[in-house]
């Protein structure tokens, strides 16, 4: 069992709706079977009506979240990133951070110690469902921190972990948003765009989790 399977449970948002899942679900140790069940729940929620998200904030700007869009009550297939395949994502990861790719059900996982740091990254790409294995619905980036959240770490996560599914403009905007967020204390932040929803969760000074979900 690898580090991602032991320490990360997914908390993907579905069509603009983020459930109130605890940071313990997302960032502390959970069995592989729980991770699989959570991914199944993602698919189920995406194919049924979802409740409205409670009020929250975006980064440290203090802005209220935008109102639910029509996709928040969408029925039908789980959304996926157009033109992106799991292999395209993992190939980009391995090119940047050489190492093996672990396949576990709907997840493809890469574990690496980020160069120049002692921060341990577990990156995973998730498929919409078991019948659409050549599509990408979710990207998870979990970092076991060995210090504070720094600009270089956020840059590596945006360009390296999330980069394969984001456009150049989206990478720039996402990095700018993360740099404005306050990670000095445990917190969670949500960013929405027309293509995706990004959830960033910081747990004490131990874990940072980014969950990117197609809309």
N, C-alpha and C. Protein backbone atom coordinates (compact mmCIF):
# COMPACT_ATOMS: atom_id res chain seq x y z
N UNK A 1 0.85 -1.19 0.00
CA UNK A 1 0.00 0.00 0.00
C UNK A 1 0.88 1.24 0.00
N UNK A 2 0.60 2.23 -0.94
CA UNK A 2 1.48 3.38 -1.02
C UNK A 2 0.98 4.50 -0.11
N UNK A 3 1.78 5.61 -0.04
CA UNK A 3 1.48 6.69 0.86
C UNK A 3 0.16 7.36 0.58
N UNK A 4 -0.19 7.50 -0.72
CA UNK A 4 -1.44 8.14 -1.05
C UNK A 4 -2.61 7.33 -0.55
N UNK A 5 -2.53 5.99 -0.72
CA UNK A 5 -3.62 5.13 -0.28
C UNK A 5 -3.77 5.16 1.22
N UNK A 6 -2.68 5.29 1.95
CA UNK A 6 -2.75 5.29 3.40
C UNK A 6 -3.26 6.61 3.95
N UNK A 7 -2.90 7.72 3.28
CA UNK A 7 -3.10 8.99 3.94
C UNK A 7 -4.13 9.89 3.30
N UNK A 8 -4.68 9.55 2.10
CA UNK A 8 -5.55 10.48 1.43
C UNK A 8 -6.85 9.83 1.08
N UNK A 9 -7.93 10.50 1.40
CA UNK A 9 -9.25 10.13 0.89
C UNK A 9 -9.67 11.26 0.00
N UNK A 10 -10.40 10.99 -1.07
CA UNK A 10 -10.77 12.04 -1.99
C UNK A 10 -11.93 12.83 -1.46
N UNK A 11 -11.95 14.15 -1.82
CA UNK A 11 -13.10 14.97 -1.51
C UNK A 11 -13.46 15.79 -2.72
N UNK A 12 -13.68 15.16 -3.85
CA UNK A 12 -13.94 15.91 -5.06
C UNK A 12 -15.26 16.63 -4.99
N UNK A 13 -15.32 17.83 -5.65
CA UNK A 13 -16.56 18.56 -5.75
C UNK A 13 -17.26 18.13 -7.00
N UNK A 14 -18.60 18.20 -7.02
CA UNK A 14 -19.34 17.66 -8.14
C UNK A 14 -20.21 18.74 -8.74
N UNK A 15 -19.80 19.15 -9.98
CA UNK A 15 -20.60 20.11 -10.67
C UNK A 15 -20.80 21.38 -9.89
N UNK A 16 -19.80 21.86 -9.17
CA UNK A 16 -19.91 23.10 -8.42
C UNK A 16 -20.40 22.93 -7.01
N UNK A 17 -20.53 21.67 -6.54
CA UNK A 17 -21.00 21.45 -5.17
C UNK A 17 -19.97 20.70 -4.39
N UNK A 18 -19.56 21.28 -3.26
CA UNK A 18 -18.56 20.64 -2.41
C UNK A 18 -19.22 20.19 -1.13
N UNK A 19 -19.15 18.91 -0.82
CA UNK A 19 -19.77 18.39 0.39
C UNK A 19 -18.94 18.74 1.60
N UNK A 20 -19.57 18.72 2.80
CA UNK A 20 -18.87 19.06 4.04
C UNK A 20 -18.13 17.84 4.56
N UNK A 21 -17.10 17.43 3.87
CA UNK A 21 -16.31 16.29 4.33
C UNK A 21 -15.20 16.81 5.22
N UNK A 22 -14.93 16.11 6.28
CA UNK A 22 -13.93 16.57 7.25
C UNK A 22 -12.54 16.44 6.70
N UNK A 23 -11.64 17.25 7.24
CA UNK A 23 -10.25 17.16 6.83
C UNK A 23 -9.66 15.81 7.20
N UNK A 24 -10.21 15.21 8.22
CA UNK A 24 -9.71 13.87 8.60
C UNK A 24 -9.96 12.88 7.49
N UNK A 25 -11.12 12.95 6.82
CA UNK A 25 -11.40 12.08 5.68
C UNK A 25 -10.37 12.28 4.60
N UNK A 26 -10.03 13.59 4.38
CA UNK A 26 -9.19 13.92 3.24
C UNK A 26 -7.72 13.69 3.46
N UNK A 27 -7.26 13.91 4.69
CA UNK A 27 -5.83 14.07 4.89
C UNK A 27 -5.20 13.09 5.86
N UNK A 28 -5.98 12.36 6.64
CA UNK A 28 -5.41 11.41 7.57
C UNK A 28 -5.53 10.01 7.00
N UNK A 29 -4.99 9.03 7.74
CA UNK A 29 -4.89 7.68 7.21
C UNK A 29 -6.26 7.06 7.03
N UNK A 30 -6.50 6.49 5.81
CA UNK A 30 -7.71 5.73 5.53
C UNK A 30 -7.34 4.52 4.71
N UNK A 31 -8.05 3.41 4.86
CA UNK A 31 -7.76 2.22 4.07
C UNK A 31 -8.09 2.45 2.61
N UNK A 32 -7.52 1.62 1.75
CA UNK A 32 -7.76 1.71 0.31
C UNK A 32 -9.24 1.51 0.01
N UNK A 33 -9.89 0.63 0.75
CA UNK A 33 -11.30 0.34 0.48
C UNK A 33 -12.15 1.58 0.71
N UNK A 34 -11.79 2.43 1.69
CA UNK A 34 -12.54 3.65 1.93
C UNK A 34 -12.35 4.62 0.78
N UNK A 35 -11.12 4.71 0.27
CA UNK A 35 -10.84 5.57 -0.87
C UNK A 35 -11.68 5.16 -2.05
N UNK A 36 -11.79 3.85 -2.29
CA UNK A 36 -12.60 3.37 -3.40
C UNK A 36 -14.06 3.74 -3.21
N UNK A 37 -14.56 3.62 -1.97
CA UNK A 37 -15.95 3.95 -1.70
C UNK A 37 -16.20 5.44 -1.90
N UNK A 38 -15.23 6.26 -1.52
CA UNK A 38 -15.39 7.69 -1.72
C UNK A 38 -15.45 8.04 -3.19
N UNK A 39 -14.62 7.39 -4.00
CA UNK A 39 -14.67 7.63 -5.44
C UNK A 39 -16.00 7.20 -6.01
N UNK A 40 -16.56 6.10 -5.51
CA UNK A 40 -17.87 5.66 -5.94
C UNK A 40 -18.92 6.70 -5.60
N UNK A 41 -18.77 7.31 -4.41
CA UNK A 41 -19.71 8.35 -3.99
C UNK A 41 -19.64 9.56 -4.89
N UNK A 42 -18.43 9.88 -5.39
CA UNK A 42 -18.28 10.98 -6.32
C UNK A 42 -19.13 10.76 -7.55
N UNK A 43 -19.04 9.54 -8.10
CA UNK A 43 -19.80 9.21 -9.30
C UNK A 43 -21.29 9.31 -9.01
N UNK A 44 -21.73 8.79 -7.86
CA UNK A 44 -23.13 8.81 -7.52
C UNK A 44 -23.66 10.23 -7.38
N UNK A 45 -22.88 11.10 -6.70
CA UNK A 45 -23.32 12.47 -6.51
C UNK A 45 -23.37 13.22 -7.81
N UNK A 46 -22.43 12.94 -8.74
CA UNK A 46 -22.42 13.62 -10.02
C UNK A 46 -23.59 13.21 -10.89
N UNK A 47 -24.17 12.06 -10.62
CA UNK A 47 -25.27 11.59 -11.45
C UNK A 47 -26.62 11.83 -10.80
N UNK A 48 -26.65 12.57 -9.71
CA UNK A 48 -27.91 12.87 -9.04
C UNK A 48 -27.90 14.30 -8.56
N UNK A 49 -29.06 14.78 -8.15
CA UNK A 49 -29.15 16.16 -7.67
C UNK A 49 -28.31 16.32 -6.43
N UNK A 50 -27.60 17.45 -6.33
CA UNK A 50 -26.71 17.68 -5.20
C UNK A 50 -27.21 18.85 -4.39
N UNK A 51 -27.00 18.87 -3.06
CA UNK A 51 -27.46 19.97 -2.23
C UNK A 51 -26.64 21.23 -2.47
N UNK A 52 -27.24 22.35 -2.16
CA UNK A 52 -26.52 23.62 -2.30
C UNK A 52 -25.42 23.73 -1.28
N UNK A 53 -24.23 24.23 -1.70
CA UNK A 53 -23.11 24.39 -0.81
C UNK A 53 -23.36 25.51 0.18
N UNK A 54 -22.98 25.33 1.45
CA UNK A 54 -23.13 26.40 2.43
C UNK A 54 -22.17 27.53 2.12
N UNK A 55 -22.42 28.71 2.68
CA UNK A 55 -21.52 29.85 2.41
C UNK A 55 -20.09 29.54 2.79
N UNK A 56 -19.15 30.12 2.05
CA UNK A 56 -17.74 29.89 2.33
C UNK A 56 -16.94 31.08 1.86
N UNK A 57 -15.63 30.90 1.71
CA UNK A 57 -14.80 32.00 1.27
C UNK A 57 -13.89 31.53 0.18
N UNK A 58 -13.34 32.48 -0.58
CA UNK A 58 -12.37 32.18 -1.61
C UNK A 58 -11.04 32.77 -1.18
N UNK A 59 -10.05 31.88 -0.90
CA UNK A 59 -8.74 32.34 -0.51
C UNK A 59 -8.83 33.29 0.67
N UNK A 60 -7.97 34.28 0.68
CA UNK A 60 -8.02 35.24 1.78
C UNK A 60 -8.67 36.54 1.34
N UNK A 61 -9.38 36.48 0.19
CA UNK A 61 -10.02 37.70 -0.29
C UNK A 61 -11.34 37.95 0.41
N UNK A 62 -11.86 36.94 1.10
CA UNK A 62 -13.09 37.11 1.83
C UNK A 62 -14.32 37.20 0.96
N UNK A 63 -14.21 36.84 -0.32
CA UNK A 63 -15.34 36.92 -1.22
C UNK A 63 -16.27 35.74 -1.00
N UNK A 64 -17.59 35.95 -1.07
CA UNK A 64 -18.50 34.81 -0.97
C UNK A 64 -18.39 33.95 -2.21
N UNK A 65 -18.69 32.68 -2.06
CA UNK A 65 -18.69 31.80 -3.21
C UNK A 65 -19.79 32.21 -4.18
N UNK A 66 -19.60 32.01 -5.48
CA UNK A 66 -20.65 32.34 -6.43
C UNK A 66 -21.87 31.45 -6.20
N UNK A 67 -23.06 31.93 -6.59
CA UNK A 67 -24.26 31.11 -6.38
C UNK A 67 -24.17 29.83 -7.20
N UNK A 68 -24.90 28.79 -6.79
CA UNK A 68 -24.87 27.53 -7.53
C UNK A 68 -25.25 27.74 -8.98
N UNK A 69 -24.55 27.08 -9.86
CA UNK A 69 -24.85 27.15 -11.28
C UNK A 69 -25.81 26.03 -11.64
N UNK A 70 -26.37 26.03 -12.85
CA UNK A 70 -27.26 24.93 -13.24
C UNK A 70 -26.61 23.57 -13.12
N UNK A 71 -25.28 23.51 -13.20
CA UNK A 71 -24.62 22.20 -13.12
C UNK A 71 -24.72 21.60 -11.73
N UNK A 72 -25.06 22.42 -10.72
CA UNK A 72 -25.11 21.89 -9.36
C UNK A 72 -26.26 20.92 -9.17
N UNK A 73 -27.26 20.95 -10.07
CA UNK A 73 -28.36 19.99 -10.00
C UNK A 73 -28.41 19.14 -11.27
N UNK A 74 -27.28 19.03 -11.94
CA UNK A 74 -27.21 18.29 -13.19
C UNK A 74 -27.44 16.80 -12.96
N UNK A 75 -28.12 16.20 -13.91
CA UNK A 75 -28.19 14.75 -13.94
C UNK A 75 -27.53 14.30 -15.23
N UNK A 76 -26.94 13.13 -15.21
CA UNK A 76 -26.27 12.63 -16.40
C UNK A 76 -24.86 12.20 -16.08
N UNK A 77 -24.04 12.05 -17.13
CA UNK A 77 -22.68 11.54 -16.94
C UNK A 77 -21.83 12.45 -16.06
N UNK A 78 -20.88 11.86 -15.35
CA UNK A 78 -19.91 12.63 -14.56
C UNK A 78 -19.06 13.45 -15.53
N UNK A 79 -18.85 14.73 -15.26
CA UNK A 79 -18.05 15.55 -16.18
C UNK A 79 -16.59 15.11 -16.20
N UNK A 80 -15.95 15.37 -17.33
CA UNK A 80 -14.53 15.04 -17.49
C UNK A 80 -13.85 16.17 -18.25
N UNK A 81 -12.52 16.22 -18.13
CA UNK A 81 -11.74 17.23 -18.84
C UNK A 81 -11.60 16.82 -20.30
N UNK A 82 -12.09 17.66 -21.19
CA UNK A 82 -12.08 17.34 -22.62
C UNK A 82 -10.66 17.15 -23.14
N UNK A 83 -10.45 16.08 -23.89
CA UNK A 83 -9.17 15.84 -24.54
C UNK A 83 -8.05 15.37 -23.63
N UNK A 84 -8.35 15.08 -22.37
CA UNK A 84 -7.32 14.65 -21.42
C UNK A 84 -7.52 13.17 -21.08
N UNK A 85 -6.44 12.41 -21.10
CA UNK A 85 -6.49 10.99 -20.73
C UNK A 85 -5.62 10.77 -19.49
N UNK A 86 -5.89 9.70 -18.73
CA UNK A 86 -5.03 9.40 -17.58
C UNK A 86 -3.56 9.26 -17.97
N UNK A 87 -3.32 8.61 -19.11
CA UNK A 87 -1.93 8.41 -19.55
C UNK A 87 -1.23 9.74 -19.83
N UNK A 88 -1.97 10.68 -20.40
CA UNK A 88 -1.38 11.99 -20.68
C UNK A 88 -0.95 12.67 -19.39
N UNK A 89 -1.76 12.53 -18.36
CA UNK A 89 -1.43 13.15 -17.07
C UNK A 89 -0.24 12.46 -16.42
N UNK A 90 -0.28 11.15 -16.32
CA UNK A 90 0.82 10.44 -15.65
C UNK A 90 2.12 10.54 -16.43
N UNK A 91 2.04 10.55 -17.76
CA UNK A 91 3.26 10.73 -18.57
C UNK A 91 3.92 12.07 -18.25
N UNK A 92 3.11 13.11 -18.09
CA UNK A 92 3.65 14.43 -17.76
C UNK A 92 4.26 14.42 -16.36
N UNK A 93 3.61 13.73 -15.43
CA UNK A 93 4.15 13.63 -14.08
C UNK A 93 5.50 12.92 -14.07
N UNK A 94 5.57 11.78 -14.75
CA UNK A 94 6.80 10.98 -14.75
C UNK A 94 7.93 11.72 -15.46
N UNK A 95 7.57 12.48 -16.48
CA UNK A 95 8.60 13.27 -17.17
C UNK A 95 9.20 14.31 -16.23
N UNK A 96 8.35 14.88 -15.40
CA UNK A 96 8.81 15.90 -14.45
C UNK A 96 9.45 15.27 -13.22
N UNK A 97 8.84 14.20 -12.71
CA UNK A 97 9.30 13.51 -11.51
C UNK A 97 9.44 12.02 -11.82
N UNK A 98 10.56 11.58 -12.34
CA UNK A 98 10.73 10.18 -12.73
C UNK A 98 10.39 9.21 -11.60
N UNK A 99 9.64 8.18 -11.93
CA UNK A 99 9.25 7.18 -10.94
C UNK A 99 8.12 6.32 -11.47
N UNK A 100 7.76 5.29 -10.75
CA UNK A 100 6.71 4.37 -11.20
C UNK A 100 5.31 4.96 -11.02
N UNK A 101 4.38 4.45 -11.82
CA UNK A 101 2.96 4.78 -11.71
C UNK A 101 2.23 3.56 -11.15
N UNK A 102 1.52 3.76 -10.06
CA UNK A 102 0.75 2.68 -9.44
C UNK A 102 -0.71 2.79 -9.87
N UNK A 103 -1.26 1.69 -10.37
CA UNK A 103 -2.67 1.65 -10.77
C UNK A 103 -3.47 0.94 -9.69
N UNK A 104 -4.49 1.63 -9.20
CA UNK A 104 -5.34 1.05 -8.17
C UNK A 104 -6.80 1.38 -8.49
N UNK A 105 -7.48 0.47 -9.13
CA UNK A 105 -8.86 0.70 -9.52
C UNK A 105 -8.97 1.88 -10.46
N UNK A 106 -9.74 2.89 -10.06
CA UNK A 106 -9.95 4.07 -10.90
C UNK A 106 -8.85 5.11 -10.74
N UNK A 107 -7.83 4.82 -9.94
CA UNK A 107 -6.75 5.77 -9.68
C UNK A 107 -5.44 5.33 -10.32
N UNK A 108 -4.69 6.31 -10.80
CA UNK A 108 -3.29 6.12 -11.18
C UNK A 108 -2.49 7.08 -10.31
N UNK A 109 -1.51 6.55 -9.60
CA UNK A 109 -0.86 7.30 -8.53
C UNK A 109 0.65 7.37 -8.75
N UNK A 110 1.20 8.54 -8.46
CA UNK A 110 2.66 8.75 -8.48
C UNK A 110 3.06 9.32 -7.12
N UNK A 111 4.09 8.74 -6.50
CA UNK A 111 4.61 9.21 -5.23
C UNK A 111 6.04 9.70 -5.44
N UNK A 112 6.35 10.88 -4.91
CA UNK A 112 7.67 11.45 -5.11
C UNK A 112 8.00 12.43 -3.99
N UNK A 113 9.28 12.51 -3.64
CA UNK A 113 9.76 13.58 -2.77
C UNK A 113 10.16 14.74 -3.67
N UNK A 114 9.55 15.87 -3.49
CA UNK A 114 9.77 17.00 -4.39
C UNK A 114 11.23 17.45 -4.34
N UNK A 115 11.84 17.65 -5.51
CA UNK A 115 13.25 18.04 -5.58
C UNK A 115 13.55 19.30 -4.76
N UNK A 116 14.65 19.25 -4.04
CA UNK A 116 15.08 20.40 -3.25
C UNK A 116 14.33 20.59 -1.95
N UNK A 117 13.42 19.65 -1.63
CA UNK A 117 12.66 19.73 -0.39
C UNK A 117 12.57 18.34 0.22
N UNK A 118 11.94 18.28 1.40
CA UNK A 118 11.61 16.98 1.99
C UNK A 118 10.10 16.74 1.95
N UNK A 119 9.38 17.59 1.20
CA UNK A 119 7.94 17.45 1.07
C UNK A 119 7.62 16.24 0.18
N UNK A 120 6.71 15.41 0.65
CA UNK A 120 6.35 14.18 -0.06
C UNK A 120 5.02 14.37 -0.79
N UNK A 121 5.06 14.24 -2.11
CA UNK A 121 3.87 14.42 -2.94
C UNK A 121 3.29 13.07 -3.36
N UNK A 122 1.97 12.93 -3.19
CA UNK A 122 1.23 11.81 -3.76
C UNK A 122 0.23 12.42 -4.73
N UNK A 123 0.42 12.15 -6.02
CA UNK A 123 -0.45 12.69 -7.05
C UNK A 123 -1.27 11.55 -7.64
N UNK A 124 -2.57 11.79 -7.82
CA UNK A 124 -3.44 10.74 -8.35
C UNK A 124 -4.39 11.34 -9.38
N UNK A 125 -4.66 10.58 -10.42
CA UNK A 125 -5.64 10.97 -11.43
C UNK A 125 -6.80 9.98 -11.36
N UNK A 126 -8.02 10.51 -11.32
CA UNK A 126 -9.21 9.68 -11.18
C UNK A 126 -10.08 9.73 -12.42
N UNK A 127 -10.67 8.60 -12.78
CA UNK A 127 -11.56 8.51 -13.93
C UNK A 127 -13.00 8.80 -13.50
N UNK A 128 -13.88 9.17 -14.46
CA UNK A 128 -15.28 9.44 -14.12
C UNK A 128 -16.00 8.22 -13.55
N UNK A 129 -15.79 7.07 -14.16
CA UNK A 129 -16.37 5.83 -13.67
C UNK A 129 -15.63 4.67 -14.33
N UNK A 130 -15.98 3.46 -13.95
CA UNK A 130 -15.23 2.29 -14.40
C UNK A 130 -15.40 2.01 -15.89
N UNK A 131 -16.40 2.62 -16.50
CA UNK A 131 -16.63 2.39 -17.93
C UNK A 131 -15.95 3.43 -18.81
N UNK A 132 -15.43 4.46 -18.20
CA UNK A 132 -14.77 5.54 -18.97
C UNK A 132 -13.33 5.67 -18.48
N UNK A 133 -12.57 4.63 -18.73
CA UNK A 133 -11.22 4.53 -18.20
C UNK A 133 -10.21 5.39 -18.94
N UNK A 134 -10.60 5.97 -20.07
CA UNK A 134 -9.67 6.80 -20.81
C UNK A 134 -10.01 8.28 -20.69
N UNK A 135 -10.75 8.62 -19.62
CA UNK A 135 -11.11 10.01 -19.36
C UNK A 135 -10.64 10.41 -17.96
N UNK A 136 -10.57 11.71 -17.73
CA UNK A 136 -10.10 12.23 -16.44
C UNK A 136 -11.17 13.14 -15.85
N UNK A 137 -11.59 12.85 -14.62
CA UNK A 137 -12.57 13.67 -13.92
C UNK A 137 -11.97 14.40 -12.73
N UNK A 138 -10.92 13.81 -12.12
CA UNK A 138 -10.37 14.35 -10.88
C UNK A 138 -8.84 14.27 -10.87
N UNK A 139 -8.22 15.29 -10.29
CA UNK A 139 -6.79 15.28 -10.01
C UNK A 139 -6.61 15.57 -8.53
N UNK A 140 -5.84 14.72 -7.85
CA UNK A 140 -5.58 14.90 -6.43
C UNK A 140 -4.07 15.12 -6.21
N UNK A 141 -3.73 16.12 -5.43
CA UNK A 141 -2.33 16.39 -5.11
C UNK A 141 -2.23 16.52 -3.59
N UNK A 142 -1.67 15.54 -2.93
CA UNK A 142 -1.52 15.57 -1.48
C UNK A 142 -0.05 15.67 -1.11
N UNK A 143 0.28 16.67 -0.30
CA UNK A 143 1.67 16.88 0.10
C UNK A 143 1.80 16.70 1.60
N UNK A 144 2.71 15.82 2.01
CA UNK A 144 3.09 15.69 3.41
C UNK A 144 4.18 16.72 3.66
N UNK A 145 3.81 17.76 4.38
CA UNK A 145 4.70 18.91 4.53
C UNK A 145 5.81 18.66 5.54
N UNK A 146 6.96 19.26 5.28
CA UNK A 146 8.07 19.27 6.22
C UNK A 146 8.42 20.70 6.61
N UNK A 147 7.45 21.58 6.41
CA UNK A 147 7.65 23.00 6.72
C UNK A 147 6.40 23.76 6.33
N UNK A 148 6.51 25.08 6.24
CA UNK A 148 5.37 25.92 5.88
C UNK A 148 5.08 25.80 4.39
N UNK A 149 3.87 26.22 4.01
CA UNK A 149 3.50 26.26 2.60
C UNK A 149 4.22 27.43 1.96
N UNK A 150 5.09 27.13 1.00
CA UNK A 150 5.91 28.15 0.36
C UNK A 150 5.49 28.36 -1.09
N UNK A 151 5.89 29.49 -1.66
CA UNK A 151 5.57 29.81 -3.04
C UNK A 151 6.07 28.72 -4.00
N UNK A 152 7.31 28.23 -3.77
CA UNK A 152 7.87 27.22 -4.66
C UNK A 152 7.03 25.94 -4.65
N UNK A 153 6.53 25.56 -3.48
CA UNK A 153 5.68 24.38 -3.40
C UNK A 153 4.41 24.57 -4.20
N UNK A 154 3.74 25.70 -4.03
CA UNK A 154 2.51 25.96 -4.76
C UNK A 154 2.76 26.01 -6.26
N UNK A 155 3.88 26.59 -6.65
CA UNK A 155 4.24 26.65 -8.07
C UNK A 155 4.45 25.25 -8.63
N UNK A 156 5.13 24.39 -7.87
CA UNK A 156 5.35 23.01 -8.32
C UNK A 156 4.03 22.25 -8.45
N UNK A 157 3.12 22.48 -7.52
CA UNK A 157 1.84 21.77 -7.56
C UNK A 157 0.99 22.22 -8.74
N UNK A 158 0.95 23.52 -8.98
CA UNK A 158 0.14 24.02 -10.09
C UNK A 158 0.73 23.62 -11.43
N UNK A 159 2.03 23.85 -11.60
CA UNK A 159 2.65 23.55 -12.88
C UNK A 159 2.86 22.06 -13.10
N UNK A 160 3.20 21.35 -12.00
CA UNK A 160 3.52 19.94 -12.15
C UNK A 160 2.35 19.01 -11.96
N UNK A 161 1.64 19.14 -10.84
CA UNK A 161 0.56 18.20 -10.53
C UNK A 161 -0.72 18.53 -11.29
N UNK A 162 -1.17 19.77 -11.22
CA UNK A 162 -2.40 20.17 -11.91
C UNK A 162 -2.16 20.55 -13.36
N UNK A 163 -0.93 20.89 -13.67
CA UNK A 163 -0.59 21.43 -14.98
C UNK A 163 -1.08 20.66 -16.19
N UNK A 164 -1.02 19.31 -16.19
CA UNK A 164 -1.41 18.58 -17.39
C UNK A 164 -2.86 18.77 -17.84
N UNK A 165 -3.73 19.24 -16.94
CA UNK A 165 -5.14 19.42 -17.33
C UNK A 165 -5.54 20.89 -17.42
N UNK A 166 -4.63 21.81 -17.06
CA UNK A 166 -4.94 23.23 -17.09
C UNK A 166 -4.29 23.90 -18.29
N UNK A 167 -4.95 24.93 -18.80
CA UNK A 167 -4.34 25.76 -19.84
C UNK A 167 -3.32 26.69 -19.19
N UNK A 168 -2.50 27.32 -20.00
CA UNK A 168 -1.50 28.25 -19.48
C UNK A 168 -2.17 29.38 -18.70
N UNK A 169 -3.27 29.90 -19.21
CA UNK A 169 -3.98 30.98 -18.53
C UNK A 169 -4.55 30.50 -17.19
N UNK A 170 -5.08 29.26 -17.17
CA UNK A 170 -5.63 28.70 -15.94
C UNK A 170 -4.54 28.46 -14.90
N UNK A 171 -3.37 28.03 -15.35
CA UNK A 171 -2.26 27.82 -14.42
C UNK A 171 -1.85 29.13 -13.76
N UNK A 172 -1.77 30.18 -14.55
CA UNK A 172 -1.39 31.48 -14.01
C UNK A 172 -2.42 31.98 -13.00
N UNK A 173 -3.70 31.87 -13.36
CA UNK A 173 -4.77 32.35 -12.47
C UNK A 173 -4.85 31.51 -11.20
N UNK A 174 -4.66 30.20 -11.34
CA UNK A 174 -4.74 29.31 -10.17
C UNK A 174 -3.59 29.57 -9.21
N UNK A 175 -2.38 29.73 -9.73
CA UNK A 175 -1.24 30.01 -8.87
C UNK A 175 -1.43 31.34 -8.16
N UNK A 176 -1.90 32.34 -8.87
CA UNK A 176 -2.13 33.65 -8.26
C UNK A 176 -3.14 33.54 -7.12
N UNK A 177 -4.19 32.76 -7.33
CA UNK A 177 -5.21 32.56 -6.30
C UNK A 177 -4.64 31.85 -5.07
N UNK A 178 -3.86 30.80 -5.31
CA UNK A 178 -3.26 30.07 -4.19
C UNK A 178 -2.28 30.92 -3.40
N UNK A 179 -1.53 31.77 -4.10
CA UNK A 179 -0.56 32.62 -3.43
C UNK A 179 -1.26 33.66 -2.54
N UNK A 180 -2.49 34.01 -2.87
CA UNK A 180 -3.25 34.97 -2.06
C UNK A 180 -3.97 34.30 -0.90
N UNK A 181 -4.09 33.00 -0.94
CA UNK A 181 -4.78 32.28 0.14
C UNK A 181 -3.90 32.24 1.38
N UNK A 182 -4.54 32.20 2.53
CA UNK A 182 -3.82 32.18 3.80
C UNK A 182 -3.69 30.74 4.28
N UNK A 183 -2.48 30.18 4.17
CA UNK A 183 -2.21 28.82 4.64
C UNK A 183 -1.39 28.82 5.92
N UNK A 184 -1.40 29.93 6.64
CA UNK A 184 -0.63 30.01 7.87
C UNK A 184 -1.28 29.24 9.01
N UNK A 185 -2.55 28.88 8.83
CA UNK A 185 -3.28 28.10 9.82
C UNK A 185 -4.18 27.13 9.08
N UNK A 186 -4.69 26.10 9.75
CA UNK A 186 -5.60 25.16 9.09
C UNK A 186 -6.74 25.90 8.42
N UNK A 187 -7.00 25.59 7.16
CA UNK A 187 -8.02 26.31 6.41
C UNK A 187 -8.39 25.54 5.16
N UNK A 188 -9.52 25.92 4.56
CA UNK A 188 -9.88 25.36 3.27
C UNK A 188 -10.36 26.49 2.36
N UNK A 189 -10.12 26.35 1.07
CA UNK A 189 -10.41 27.39 0.10
C UNK A 189 -10.98 26.74 -1.16
N UNK A 190 -11.90 27.45 -1.80
CA UNK A 190 -12.55 26.90 -2.99
C UNK A 190 -12.47 27.92 -4.13
N UNK A 191 -12.12 27.43 -5.30
CA UNK A 191 -12.10 28.26 -6.50
C UNK A 191 -12.91 27.56 -7.58
N UNK A 192 -13.78 28.32 -8.24
CA UNK A 192 -14.58 27.77 -9.32
C UNK A 192 -14.29 28.48 -10.63
N UNK A 193 -14.32 27.72 -11.71
CA UNK A 193 -14.26 28.29 -13.05
C UNK A 193 -15.28 27.54 -13.90
N UNK A 194 -15.37 27.90 -15.16
CA UNK A 194 -16.33 27.22 -16.02
C UNK A 194 -15.94 25.77 -16.27
N UNK A 195 -14.64 25.44 -16.16
CA UNK A 195 -14.17 24.08 -16.46
C UNK A 195 -13.96 23.21 -15.24
N UNK A 196 -13.70 23.83 -14.08
CA UNK A 196 -13.33 23.00 -12.93
C UNK A 196 -13.66 23.69 -11.62
N UNK A 197 -13.59 22.92 -10.56
CA UNK A 197 -13.64 23.45 -9.21
C UNK A 197 -12.41 22.92 -8.48
N UNK A 198 -11.72 23.81 -7.77
CA UNK A 198 -10.51 23.45 -7.04
C UNK A 198 -10.73 23.63 -5.56
N UNK A 199 -10.46 22.58 -4.80
CA UNK A 199 -10.53 22.63 -3.35
C UNK A 199 -9.12 22.52 -2.80
N UNK A 200 -8.73 23.48 -1.96
CA UNK A 200 -7.41 23.47 -1.32
C UNK A 200 -7.62 23.38 0.18
N UNK A 201 -7.03 22.37 0.81
CA UNK A 201 -7.20 22.16 2.25
C UNK A 201 -5.83 22.05 2.91
N UNK A 202 -5.64 22.85 3.96
CA UNK A 202 -4.40 22.80 4.72
C UNK A 202 -4.73 22.29 6.12
N UNK A 203 -4.07 21.23 6.53
CA UNK A 203 -4.34 20.61 7.83
C UNK A 203 -3.15 20.82 8.75
N UNK A 204 -3.33 21.70 9.76
CA UNK A 204 -2.23 22.02 10.69
C UNK A 204 -0.99 22.40 9.88
N UNK A 205 0.16 21.96 10.15
CA UNK A 205 1.30 22.20 9.28
C UNK A 205 1.80 20.86 8.78
N UNK A 206 0.86 19.95 8.53
CA UNK A 206 1.23 18.59 8.19
C UNK A 206 0.87 18.19 6.77
N UNK A 207 -0.27 18.62 6.30
CA UNK A 207 -0.73 18.20 4.98
C UNK A 207 -1.34 19.35 4.20
N UNK A 208 -1.11 19.34 2.91
CA UNK A 208 -1.79 20.25 1.98
C UNK A 208 -2.39 19.40 0.89
N UNK A 209 -3.68 19.57 0.65
CA UNK A 209 -4.39 18.76 -0.35
C UNK A 209 -5.04 19.67 -1.37
N UNK A 210 -4.80 19.40 -2.65
CA UNK A 210 -5.50 20.06 -3.73
C UNK A 210 -6.34 19.02 -4.46
N UNK A 211 -7.60 19.31 -4.64
CA UNK A 211 -8.51 18.41 -5.37
C UNK A 211 -9.14 19.19 -6.50
N UNK A 212 -8.80 18.81 -7.74
CA UNK A 212 -9.30 19.49 -8.94
C UNK A 212 -10.35 18.58 -9.59
N UNK A 213 -11.54 19.12 -9.80
CA UNK A 213 -12.64 18.31 -10.30
C UNK A 213 -13.28 18.98 -11.51
N UNK A 214 -13.50 18.20 -12.55
CA UNK A 214 -14.10 18.73 -13.78
C UNK A 214 -15.54 19.16 -13.52
N UNK A 215 -15.99 20.17 -14.26
CA UNK A 215 -17.38 20.64 -14.15
C UNK A 215 -18.07 20.51 -15.50
